[in-house]
Amino acid sequence: MAKQKRYTAEFKAKVALEAIREELTTAELSKKYEVHPTMINGWKRTAIAKMAQSFDAKPVGEPVISGKDVEKLHAKIGQLVVERDFLADASRLILGTGGKKP
């Protein structure tokens, strides 16, 4: 029993685009890519249908952030500010700047 060939999406799109352009006949494309003409016609129909759907799709909006996530982020910012200030003070003491900011 013969094994079925699997074609990548990129290959199908390439062949379908050539079929849509109609620079070569389906028979010529079939011979060029060694694919049955029925498959090429199917890929062409699918490409045209999906192309129309892509224009109907609504644009992706900004992600919704919940109030709980905002609270977590504010808490994290506060924690990082405290740590930064602590480390800045500690480095001044270690470096001997007498507690004055450089």
PDB file of N, CA and C in Angstrom:
ATOM      1  N   MET A   1       0.847  -1.178   0.000  1.00  0.00           N
ATOM      2  CA  MET A   1       0.000   0.000   0.000  1.00  0.00           C
ATOM      3  C   MET A   1       0.892   1.240   0.000  1.00  0.00           C
ATOM      4  N   ALA A   2       0.585   2.176  -0.864  1.00  0.00           N
ATOM      5  CA  ALA A   2       1.392   3.390  -1.006  1.00  0.00           C
ATOM      6  C   ALA A   2       1.162   4.328   0.174  1.00  0.00           C
ATOM      7  N   LYS A   3       2.227   4.968   0.572  1.00  0.00           N
ATOM      8  CA  LYS A   3       2.168   5.911   1.677  1.00  0.00           C
ATOM      9  C   LYS A   3       1.680   7.267   1.157  1.00  0.00           C
ATOM     10  N   GLN A   4       0.771   7.912   1.904  1.00  0.00           N
ATOM     11  CA  GLN A   4       0.261   9.209   1.480  1.00  0.00           C
ATOM     12  C   GLN A   4       1.312  10.283   1.702  1.00  0.00           C
ATOM     13  N   LYS A   5       1.421  11.185   0.735  1.00  0.00           N
ATOM     14  CA  LYS A   5       2.342  12.300   0.868  1.00  0.00           C
ATOM     15  C   LYS A   5       1.710  13.362   1.752  1.00  0.00           C
ATOM     16  N   ARG A   6       2.530  13.969   2.582  1.00  0.00           N
ATOM     17  CA  ARG A   6       2.084  15.082   3.427  1.00  0.00           C
ATOM     18  C   ARG A   6       2.750  16.345   2.904  1.00  0.00           C
ATOM     19  N   TYR A   7       1.965  17.380   2.737  1.00  0.00           N
ATOM     20  CA  TYR A   7       2.486  18.653   2.238  1.00  0.00           C
ATOM     21  C   TYR A   7       2.413  19.691   3.344  1.00  0.00           C
ATOM     22  N   THR A   8       3.430  20.519   3.419  1.00  0.00           N
ATOM     23  CA  THR A   8       3.441  21.568   4.433  1.00  0.00           C
ATOM     24  C   THR A   8       2.459  22.673   4.049  1.00  0.00           C
ATOM     25  N   ALA A   9       2.079  23.449   5.037  1.00  0.00           N
ATOM     26  CA  ALA A   9       1.172  24.569   4.795  1.00  0.00           C
ATOM     27  C   ALA A   9       1.818  25.586   3.855  1.00  0.00           C
ATOM     28  N   GLU A  10       3.130  25.771   3.998  1.00  0.00           N
ATOM     29  CA  GLU A  10       3.843  26.719   3.133  1.00  0.00           C
ATOM     30  C   GLU A  10       3.794  26.272   1.678  1.00  0.00           C
ATOM     31  N   PHE A  11       3.980  24.966   1.460  1.00  0.00           N
ATOM     32  CA  PHE A  11       3.947  24.434   0.102  1.00  0.00           C
ATOM     33  C   PHE A  11       2.550  24.598  -0.494  1.00  0.00           C
ATOM     34  N   LYS A  12       1.526  24.266   0.291  1.00  0.00           N
ATOM     35  CA  LYS A  12       0.149  24.393  -0.189  1.00  0.00           C
ATOM     36  C   LYS A  12      -0.169  25.840  -0.541  1.00  0.00           C
ATOM     37  N   ALA A  13       0.280  26.767   0.317  1.00  0.00           N
ATOM     38  CA  ALA A  13       0.021  28.187   0.056  1.00  0.00           C
ATOM     39  C   ALA A  13       0.723  28.644  -1.212  1.00  0.00           C
ATOM     40  N   LYS A  14       1.939  28.185  -1.415  1.00  0.00           N
ATOM     41  CA  LYS A  14       2.706  28.559  -2.612  1.00  0.00           C
ATOM     42  C   LYS A  14       1.994  28.080  -3.875  1.00  0.00           C
ATOM     43  N   VAL A  15       1.572  26.823  -3.871  1.00  0.00           N
ATOM     44  CA  VAL A  15       0.901  26.255  -5.044  1.00  0.00           C
ATOM     45  C   VAL A  15      -0.457  26.924  -5.253  1.00  0.00           C
ATOM     46  N   ALA A  16      -1.194  27.150  -4.161  1.00  0.00           N
ATOM     47  CA  ALA A  16      -2.510  27.786  -4.268  1.00  0.00           C
ATOM     48  C   ALA A  16      -2.376  29.205  -4.816  1.00  0.00           C
ATOM     49  N   LEU A  17      -1.358  29.929  -4.373  1.00  0.00           N
ATOM     50  CA  LEU A  17      -1.145  31.293  -4.859  1.00  0.00           C
ATOM     51  C   LEU A  17      -0.840  31.293  -6.353  1.00  0.00           C
ATOM     52  N   GLU A  18      -0.032  30.342  -6.782  1.00  0.00           N
ATOM     53  CA  GLU A  18       0.240  30.243  -8.226  1.00  0.00           C
ATOM     54  C   GLU A  18      -1.028  29.903  -9.000  1.00  0.00           C
ATOM     55  N   ALA A  19      -1.872  29.054  -8.425  1.00  0.00           N
ATOM     56  CA  ALA A  19      -3.130  28.699  -9.087  1.00  0.00           C
ATOM     57  C   ALA A  19      -4.059  29.909  -9.162  1.00  0.00           C
ATOM     58  N   ILE A  20      -4.075  30.721  -8.121  1.00  0.00           N
ATOM     59  CA  ILE A  20      -4.919  31.922  -8.116  1.00  0.00           C
ATOM     60  C   ILE A  20      -4.436  32.920  -9.157  1.00  0.00           C
ATOM     61  N   ARG A  21      -3.122  33.037  -9.297  1.00  0.00           N
ATOM     62  CA  ARG A  21      -2.557  33.968 -10.282  1.00  0.00           C
ATOM     63  C   ARG A  21      -2.887  33.556 -11.718  1.00  0.00           C
ATOM     64  N   GLU A  22      -3.107  32.282 -11.930  1.00  0.00           N
ATOM     65  CA  GLU A  22      -3.461  31.715 -13.236  1.00  0.00           C
ATOM     66  C   GLU A  22      -2.423  31.989 -14.313  1.00  0.00           C
ATOM     67  N   GLU A  23      -1.145  32.031 -13.928  1.00  0.00           N
ATOM     68  CA  GLU A  23      -0.079  32.163 -14.917  1.00  0.00           C
ATOM     69  C   GLU A  23       0.156  30.824 -15.619  1.00  0.00           C
ATOM     70  N   LEU A  24      -0.121  29.724 -14.899  1.00  0.00           N
ATOM     71  CA  LEU A  24      -0.040  28.384 -15.465  1.00  0.00           C
ATOM     72  C   LEU A  24      -1.380  27.703 -15.259  1.00  0.00           C
ATOM     73  N   THR A  25      -1.677  26.760 -16.112  1.00  0.00           N
ATOM     74  CA  THR A  25      -2.922  26.002 -15.935  1.00  0.00           C
ATOM     75  C   THR A  25      -2.754  25.033 -14.769  1.00  0.00           C
ATOM     76  N   THR A  26      -3.890  24.509 -14.308  1.00  0.00           N
ATOM     77  CA  THR A  26      -3.845  23.544 -13.211  1.00  0.00           C
ATOM     78  C   THR A  26      -3.051  22.316 -13.621  1.00  0.00           C
ATOM     79  N   ALA A  27      -3.195  21.900 -14.866  1.00  0.00           N
ATOM     80  CA  ALA A  27      -2.448  20.739 -15.355  1.00  0.00           C
ATOM     81  C   ALA A  27      -0.944  21.019 -15.331  1.00  0.00           C
ATOM     82  N   GLU A  28      -0.556  22.218 -15.727  1.00  0.00           N
ATOM     83  CA  GLU A  28       0.865  22.576 -15.721  1.00  0.00           C
ATOM     84  C   GLU A  28       1.412  22.635 -14.293  1.00  0.00           C
ATOM     85  N   LEU A  29       0.617  23.195 -13.386  1.00  0.00           N
ATOM     86  CA  LEU A  29       1.028  23.224 -11.982  1.00  0.00           C
ATOM     87  C   LEU A  29       1.129  21.810 -11.412  1.00  0.00           C
ATOM     88  N   SER A  30       0.201  20.966 -11.821  1.00  0.00           N
ATOM     89  CA  SER A  30       0.206  19.582 -11.372  1.00  0.00           C
ATOM     90  C   SER A  30       1.487  18.882 -11.790  1.00  0.00           C
ATOM     91  N   LYS A  31       1.881  19.103 -13.014  1.00  0.00           N
ATOM     92  CA  LYS A  31       3.107  18.493 -13.532  1.00  0.00           C
ATOM     93  C   LYS A  31       4.329  19.110 -12.842  1.00  0.00           C
ATOM     94  N   LYS A  32       4.321  20.425 -12.659  1.00  0.00           N
ATOM     95  CA  LYS A  32       5.457  21.137 -12.066  1.00  0.00           C
ATOM     96  C   LYS A  32       5.722  20.680 -10.631  1.00  0.00           C
ATOM     97  N   TYR A  33       4.662  20.535  -9.836  1.00  0.00           N
ATOM     98  CA  TYR A  33       4.818  20.208  -8.418  1.00  0.00           C
ATOM     99  C   TYR A  33       4.521  18.747  -8.088  1.00  0.00           C
ATOM    100  N   GLU A  34       4.144  17.965  -9.097  1.00  0.00           N
ATOM    101  CA  GLU A  34       3.818  16.544  -8.916  1.00  0.00           C
ATOM    102  C   GLU A  34       2.710  16.356  -7.878  1.00  0.00           C
ATOM    103  N   VAL A  35       1.649  17.125  -8.068  1.00  0.00           N
ATOM    104  CA  VAL A  35       0.478  17.072  -7.193  1.00  0.00           C
ATOM    105  C   VAL A  35      -0.745  16.910  -8.082  1.00  0.00           C
ATOM    106  N   HIS A  36      -1.716  16.146  -7.647  1.00  0.00           N
ATOM    107  CA  HIS A  36      -2.923  15.919  -8.436  1.00  0.00           C
ATOM    108  C   HIS A  36      -3.683  17.236  -8.610  1.00  0.00           C
ATOM    109  N   PRO A  37      -4.225  17.471  -9.815  1.00  0.00           N
ATOM    110  CA  PRO A  37      -4.955  18.728 -10.065  1.00  0.00           C
ATOM    111  C   PRO A  37      -6.125  18.972  -9.115  1.00  0.00           C
ATOM    112  N   THR A  38      -6.779  17.916  -8.684  1.00  0.00           N
ATOM    113  CA  THR A  38      -7.895  18.066  -7.754  1.00  0.00           C
ATOM    114  C   THR A  38      -7.425  18.669  -6.434  1.00  0.00           C
ATOM    115  N   MET A  39      -6.251  18.251  -5.984  1.00  0.00           N
ATOM    116  CA  MET A  39      -5.706  18.791  -4.737  1.00  0.00           C
ATOM    117  C   MET A  39      -5.398  20.278  -4.902  1.00  0.00           C
ATOM    118  N   ILE A  40      -4.827  20.640  -6.047  1.00  0.00           N
ATOM    119  CA  ILE A  40      -4.494  22.045  -6.299  1.00  0.00           C
ATOM    120  C   ILE A  40      -5.755  22.896  -6.290  1.00  0.00           C
ATOM    121  N   ASN A  41      -6.804  22.403  -6.945  1.00  0.00           N
ATOM    122  CA  ASN A  41      -8.074  23.144  -6.964  1.00  0.00           C
ATOM    123  C   ASN A  41      -8.660  23.280  -5.562  1.00  0.00           C
ATOM    124  N   GLY A  42      -8.530  22.240  -4.754  1.00  0.00           N
ATOM    125  CA  GLY A  42      -9.012  22.291  -3.365  1.00  0.00           C
ATOM    126  C   GLY A  42      -8.234  23.313  -2.549  1.00  0.00           C
ATOM    127  N   TRP A  43      -6.910  23.300  -2.705  1.00  0.00           N
ATOM    128  CA  TRP A  43      -6.074  24.274  -1.981  1.00  0.00           C
ATOM    129  C   TRP A  43      -6.409  25.696  -2.415  1.00  0.00           C
ATOM    130  N   LYS A  44      -6.685  25.866  -3.700  1.00  0.00           N
ATOM    131  CA  LYS A  44      -7.032  27.182  -4.236  1.00  0.00           C
ATOM    132  C   LYS A  44      -8.345  27.672  -3.619  1.00  0.00           C
ATOM    133  N   ARG A  45      -9.363  26.800  -3.594  1.00  0.00           N
ATOM    134  CA  ARG A  45     -10.655  27.160  -3.001  1.00  0.00           C
ATOM    135  C   ARG A  45     -10.503  27.500  -1.520  1.00  0.00           C
ATOM    136  N   THR A  46      -9.722  26.690  -0.803  1.00  0.00           N
ATOM    137  CA  THR A  46      -9.502  26.931   0.622  1.00  0.00           C
ATOM    138  C   THR A  46      -8.799  28.263   0.846  1.00  0.00           C
ATOM    139  N   ALA A  47      -7.785  28.540   0.037  1.00  0.00           N
ATOM    140  CA  ALA A  47      -7.036  29.790   0.178  1.00  0.00           C
ATOM    141  C   ALA A  47      -7.937  30.995  -0.051  1.00  0.00           C
ATOM    142  N   ILE A  48      -8.778  30.927  -1.046  1.00  0.00           N
ATOM    143  CA  ILE A  48      -9.681  32.041  -1.342  1.00  0.00           C
ATOM    144  C   ILE A  48     -10.689  32.222  -0.202  1.00  0.00           C
ATOM    145  N   ALA A  49     -11.223  31.118   0.314  1.00  0.00           N
ATOM    146  CA  ALA A  49     -12.190  31.200   1.414  1.00  0.00           C
ATOM    147  C   ALA A  49     -11.542  31.775   2.672  1.00  0.00           C
ATOM    148  N   LYS A  50     -10.354  31.313   2.993  1.00  0.00           N
ATOM    149  CA  LYS A  50      -9.667  31.796   4.199  1.00  0.00           C
ATOM    150  C   LYS A  50      -9.238  33.253   4.032  1.00  0.00           C
ATOM    151  N   MET A  51      -8.922  33.629   2.807  1.00  0.00           N
ATOM    152  CA  MET A  51      -8.524  35.010   2.548  1.00  0.00           C
ATOM    153  C   MET A  51      -9.693  35.938   2.859  1.00  0.00           C
ATOM    154  N   ALA A  52     -10.881  35.571   2.427  1.00  0.00           N
ATOM    155  CA  ALA A  52     -12.064  36.392   2.686  1.00  0.00           C
ATOM    156  C   ALA A  52     -12.346  36.463   4.186  1.00  0.00           C
ATOM    157  N   GLN A  53     -12.160  35.360   4.899  1.00  0.00           N
ATOM    158  CA  GLN A  53     -12.394  35.337   6.340  1.00  0.00           C
ATOM    159  C   GLN A  53     -11.412  36.233   7.084  1.00  0.00           C
ATOM    160  N   SER A  54     -10.205  36.348   6.583  1.00  0.00           N
ATOM    161  CA  SER A  54      -9.209  37.160   7.281  1.00  0.00           C
ATOM    162  C   SER A  54      -9.598  38.634   7.300  1.00  0.00           C
ATOM    163  N   PHE A  55     -10.371  39.075   6.315  1.00  0.00           N
ATOM    164  CA  PHE A  55     -10.816  40.457   6.297  1.00  0.00           C
ATOM    165  C   PHE A  55     -12.037  40.673   7.186  1.00  0.00           C
ATOM    166  N   ASP A  56     -12.753  39.595   7.509  1.00  0.00           N
ATOM    167  CA  ASP A  56     -13.908  39.687   8.386  1.00  0.00           C
ATOM    168  C   ASP A  56     -13.518  39.684   9.853  1.00  0.00           C
ATOM    169  N   ALA A  57     -12.337  39.200  10.160  1.00  0.00           N
ATOM    170  CA  ALA A  57     -11.908  39.059  11.553  1.00  0.00           C
ATOM    171  C   ALA A  57     -11.806  40.432  12.223  1.00  0.00           C
ATOM    172  N   LYS A  58     -12.218  40.463  13.463  1.00  0.00           N
ATOM    173  CA  LYS A  58     -12.140  41.702  14.231  1.00  0.00           C
ATOM    174  C   LYS A  58     -10.707  41.876  14.718  1.00  0.00           C
ATOM    175  N   PRO A  59     -10.233  43.106  14.753  1.00  0.00           N
ATOM    176  CA  PRO A  59      -8.868  43.325  15.233  1.00  0.00           C
ATOM    177  C   PRO A  59      -8.741  42.951  16.704  1.00  0.00           C
ATOM    178  N   VAL A  60      -7.580  42.455  17.042  1.00  0.00           N
ATOM    179  CA  VAL A  60      -7.331  42.039  18.415  1.00  0.00           C
ATOM    180  C   VAL A  60      -7.121  43.288  19.267  1.00  0.00           C
ATOM    181  N   GLY A  61      -7.908  43.398  20.326  1.00  0.00           N
ATOM    182  CA  GLY A  61      -7.824  44.556  21.205  1.00  0.00           C
ATOM    183  C   GLY A  61      -6.762  44.355  22.276  1.00  0.00           C
ATOM    184  N   GLU A  62      -6.670  45.335  23.127  1.00  0.00           N
ATOM    185  CA  GLU A  62      -5.722  45.243  24.229  1.00  0.00           C
ATOM    186  C   GLU A  62      -6.208  44.177  25.205  1.00  0.00           C
ATOM    187  N   PRO A  63      -5.270  43.447  25.817  1.00  0.00           N
ATOM    188  CA  PRO A  63      -5.689  42.417  26.770  1.00  0.00           C
ATOM    189  C   PRO A  63      -6.332  43.050  28.000  1.00  0.00           C
ATOM    190  N   VAL A  64      -7.307  42.364  28.534  1.00  0.00           N
ATOM    191  CA  VAL A  64      -8.012  42.846  29.713  1.00  0.00           C
ATOM    192  C   VAL A  64      -7.215  42.444  30.947  1.00  0.00           C
ATOM    193  N   ILE A  65      -6.930  43.428  31.804  1.00  0.00           N
ATOM    194  CA  ILE A  65      -6.189  43.158  33.040  1.00  0.00           C
ATOM    195  C   ILE A  65      -7.150  43.341  34.201  1.00  0.00           C
ATOM    196  N   SER A  66      -7.236  42.332  35.035  1.00  0.00           N
ATOM    197  CA  SER A  66      -8.174  42.397  36.157  1.00  0.00           C
ATOM    198  C   SER A  66      -7.624  43.277  37.272  1.00  0.00           C
ATOM    199  N   GLY A  67      -8.514  43.701  38.134  1.00  0.00           N
ATOM    200  CA  GLY A  67      -8.117  44.522  39.278  1.00  0.00           C
ATOM    201  C   GLY A  67      -7.162  43.779  40.197  1.00  0.00           C
ATOM    202  N   LYS A  68      -7.354  42.466  40.300  1.00  0.00           N
ATOM    203  CA  LYS A  68      -6.484  41.646  41.141  1.00  0.00           C
ATOM    204  C   LYS A  68      -5.050  41.667  40.611  1.00  0.00           C
ATOM    205  N   ASP A  69      -4.904  41.594  39.281  1.00  0.00           N
ATOM    206  CA  ASP A  69      -3.574  41.646  38.673  1.00  0.00           C
ATOM    207  C   ASP A  69      -2.916  43.005  38.905  1.00  0.00           C
ATOM    208  N   VAL A  70      -3.712  44.069  38.828  1.00  0.00           N
ATOM    209  CA  VAL A  70      -3.183  45.417  39.060  1.00  0.00           C
ATOM    210  C   VAL A  70      -2.688  45.541  40.501  1.00  0.00           C
ATOM    211  N   GLU A  71      -3.452  44.998  41.439  1.00  0.00           N
ATOM    212  CA  GLU A  71      -3.040  45.033  42.848  1.00  0.00           C
ATOM    213  C   GLU A  71      -1.735  44.276  43.064  1.00  0.00           C
ATOM    214  N   LYS A  72      -1.599  43.113  42.436  1.00  0.00           N
ATOM    215  CA  LYS A  72      -0.367  42.327  42.555  1.00  0.00           C
ATOM    216  C   LYS A  72       0.820  43.105  42.000  1.00  0.00           C
ATOM    217  N   LEU A  73       0.618  43.754  40.867  1.00  0.00           N
ATOM    218  CA  LEU A  73       1.709  44.522  40.251  1.00  0.00           C
ATOM    219  C   LEU A  73       2.103  45.716  41.117  1.00  0.00           C
ATOM    220  N   HIS A  74       1.127  46.398  41.690  1.00  0.00           N
ATOM    221  CA  HIS A  74       1.427  47.525  42.576  1.00  0.00           C
ATOM    222  C   HIS A  74       2.199  47.053  43.807  1.00  0.00           C
ATOM    223  N   ALA A  75       1.803  45.905  44.350  1.00  0.00           N
ATOM    224  CA  ALA A  75       2.506  45.348  45.509  1.00  0.00           C
ATOM    225  C   ALA A  75       3.950  45.012  45.147  1.00  0.00           C
ATOM    226  N   LYS A  76       4.155  44.433  43.988  1.00  0.00           N
ATOM    227  CA  LYS A  76       5.503  44.076  43.539  1.00  0.00           C
ATOM    228  C   LYS A  76       6.345  45.329  43.336  1.00  0.00           C
ATOM    229  N   ILE A  77       5.771  46.366  42.750  1.00  0.00           N
ATOM    230  CA  ILE A  77       6.487  47.630  42.554  1.00  0.00           C
ATOM    231  C   ILE A  77       6.903  48.206  43.905  1.00  0.00           C
ATOM    232  N   GLY A  78       5.990  48.189  44.863  1.00  0.00           N
ATOM    233  CA  GLY A  78       6.300  48.692  46.199  1.00  0.00           C
ATOM    234  C   GLY A  78       7.442  47.913  46.835  1.00  0.00           C
ATOM    235  N   GLN A  79       7.399  46.593  46.713  1.00  0.00           N
ATOM    236  CA  GLN A  79       8.454  45.750  47.269  1.00  0.00           C
ATOM    237  C   GLN A  79       9.799  46.081  46.623  1.00  0.00           C
ATOM    238  N   LEU A  80       9.818  46.240  45.324  1.00  0.00           N
ATOM    239  CA  LEU A  80      11.073  46.541  44.622  1.00  0.00           C
ATOM    240  C   LEU A  80      11.619  47.919  44.992  1.00  0.00           C
ATOM    241  N   VAL A  81      10.739  48.882  45.211  1.00  0.00           N
ATOM    242  CA  VAL A  81      11.184  50.222  45.613  1.00  0.00           C
ATOM    243  C   VAL A  81      11.832  50.154  46.995  1.00  0.00           C
ATOM    244  N   VAL A  82      11.206  49.430  47.910  1.00  0.00           N
ATOM    245  CA  VAL A  82      11.768  49.283  49.260  1.00  0.00           C
ATOM    246  C   VAL A  82      13.136  48.607  49.189  1.00  0.00           C
ATOM    247  N   GLU A  83      13.243  47.526  48.407  1.00  0.00           N
ATOM    248  CA  GLU A  83      14.525  46.822  48.268  1.00  0.00           C
ATOM    249  C   GLU A  83      15.588  47.726  47.649  1.00  0.00           C
ATOM    250  N   ARG A  84      15.223  48.492  46.649  1.00  0.00           N
ATOM    251  CA  ARG A  84      16.176  49.385  45.999  1.00  0.00           C
ATOM    252  C   ARG A  84      16.691  50.439  46.980  1.00  0.00           C
ATOM    253  N   ASP A  85      15.769  51.030  47.739  1.00  0.00           N
ATOM    254  CA  ASP A  85      16.167  52.045  48.703  1.00  0.00           C
ATOM    255  C   ASP A  85      17.067  51.449  49.779  1.00  0.00           C
ATOM    256  N   PHE A  86      16.735  50.249  50.251  1.00  0.00           N
ATOM    257  CA  PHE A  86      17.549  49.582  51.267  1.00  0.00           C
ATOM    258  C   PHE A  86      18.956  49.332  50.746  1.00  0.00           C
ATOM    259  N   LEU A  87      19.054  48.798  49.534  1.00  0.00           N
ATOM    260  CA  LEU A  87      20.361  48.499  48.960  1.00  0.00           C
ATOM    261  C   LEU A  87      21.157  49.768  48.670  1.00  0.00           C
ATOM    262  N   ALA A  88      20.484  50.836  48.281  1.00  0.00           N
ATOM    263  CA  ALA A  88      21.179  52.109  48.052  1.00  0.00           C
ATOM    264  C   ALA A  88      21.761  52.632  49.356  1.00  0.00           C
ATOM    265  N   ASP A  89      20.990  52.564  50.442  1.00  0.00           N
ATOM    266  CA  ASP A  89      21.486  53.008  51.755  1.00  0.00           C
ATOM    267  C   ASP A  89      22.637  52.129  52.227  1.00  0.00           C
ATOM    268  N   ALA A  90      22.501  50.815  52.058  1.00  0.00           N
ATOM    269  CA  ALA A  90      23.553  49.891  52.487  1.00  0.00           C
ATOM    270  C   ALA A  90      24.829  50.123  51.694  1.00  0.00           C
ATOM    271  N   SER A  91      24.722  50.385  50.423  1.00  0.00           N
ATOM    272  CA  SER A  91      25.923  50.609  49.614  1.00  0.00           C
ATOM    273  C   SER A  91      26.612  51.910  50.005  1.00  0.00           C
ATOM    274  N   ARG A  92      25.833  52.917  50.405  1.00  0.00           N
ATOM    275  CA  ARG A  92      26.444  54.172  50.862  1.00  0.00           C
ATOM    276  C   ARG A  92      27.228  53.951  52.154  1.00  0.00           C
ATOM    277  N   LEU A  93      26.672  53.109  53.048  1.00  0.00           N
ATOM    278  CA  LEU A  93      27.358  52.821  54.310  1.00  0.00           C
ATOM    279  C   LEU A  93      28.638  52.027  54.064  1.00  0.00           C
ATOM    280  N   ILE A  94      28.563  51.062  53.155  1.00  0.00           N
ATOM    281  CA  ILE A  94      29.717  50.217  52.866  1.00  0.00           C
ATOM    282  C   ILE A  94      30.806  51.016  52.143  1.00  0.00           C
ATOM    283  N   LEU A  95      30.408  51.860  51.239  1.00  0.00           N
ATOM    284  CA  LEU A  95      31.373  52.632  50.463  1.00  0.00           C
ATOM    285  C   LEU A  95      31.902  53.839  51.220  1.00  0.00           C
ATOM    286  N   GLY A  96      31.287  54.130  52.374  1.00  0.00           N
ATOM    287  CA  GLY A  96      31.786  55.196  53.225  1.00  0.00           C
ATOM    288  C   GLY A  96      31.478  56.599  52.750  1.00  0.00           C
ATOM    289  N   THR A  97      30.355  56.804  52.147  1.00  0.00           N
ATOM    290  CA  THR A  97      30.009  58.151  51.702  1.00  0.00           C
ATOM    291  C   THR A  97      29.320  58.927  52.811  1.00  0.00           C
ATOM    292  N   GLY A  98      29.247  58.340  54.003  1.00  0.00           N
ATOM    293  CA  GLY A  98      28.692  59.047  55.149  1.00  0.00           C
ATOM    294  C   GLY A  98      27.200  59.273  55.081  1.00  0.00           C
ATOM    295  N   GLY A  99      26.498  58.448  54.364  1.00  0.00           N
ATOM    296  CA  GLY A  99      25.065  58.576  54.267  1.00  0.00           C
ATOM    297  C   GLY A  99      24.601  59.632  53.312  1.00  0.00           C
ATOM    298  N   LYS A 100      25.533  60.292  52.646  1.00  0.00           N
ATOM    299  CA  LYS A 100      25.159  61.321  51.681  1.00  0.00           C
ATOM    300  C   LYS A 100      25.049  60.703  50.298  1.00  0.00           C
ATOM    301  N   LYS A 101      24.130  61.202  49.531  1.00  0.00           N
ATOM    302  CA  LYS A 101      23.992  60.730  48.161  1.00  0.00           C
ATOM    303  C   LYS A 101      25.095  61.321  47.297  1.00  0.00           C
ATOM    304  N   PRO A 102      25.695  60.528  46.457  1.00  0.00           N
ATOM    305  CA  PRO A 102      26.772  61.043  45.602  1.00  0.00           C
ATOM    306  C   PRO A 102      26.309  62.049  44.592  1.00  0.00           C
TER     307      PRO A 102
END
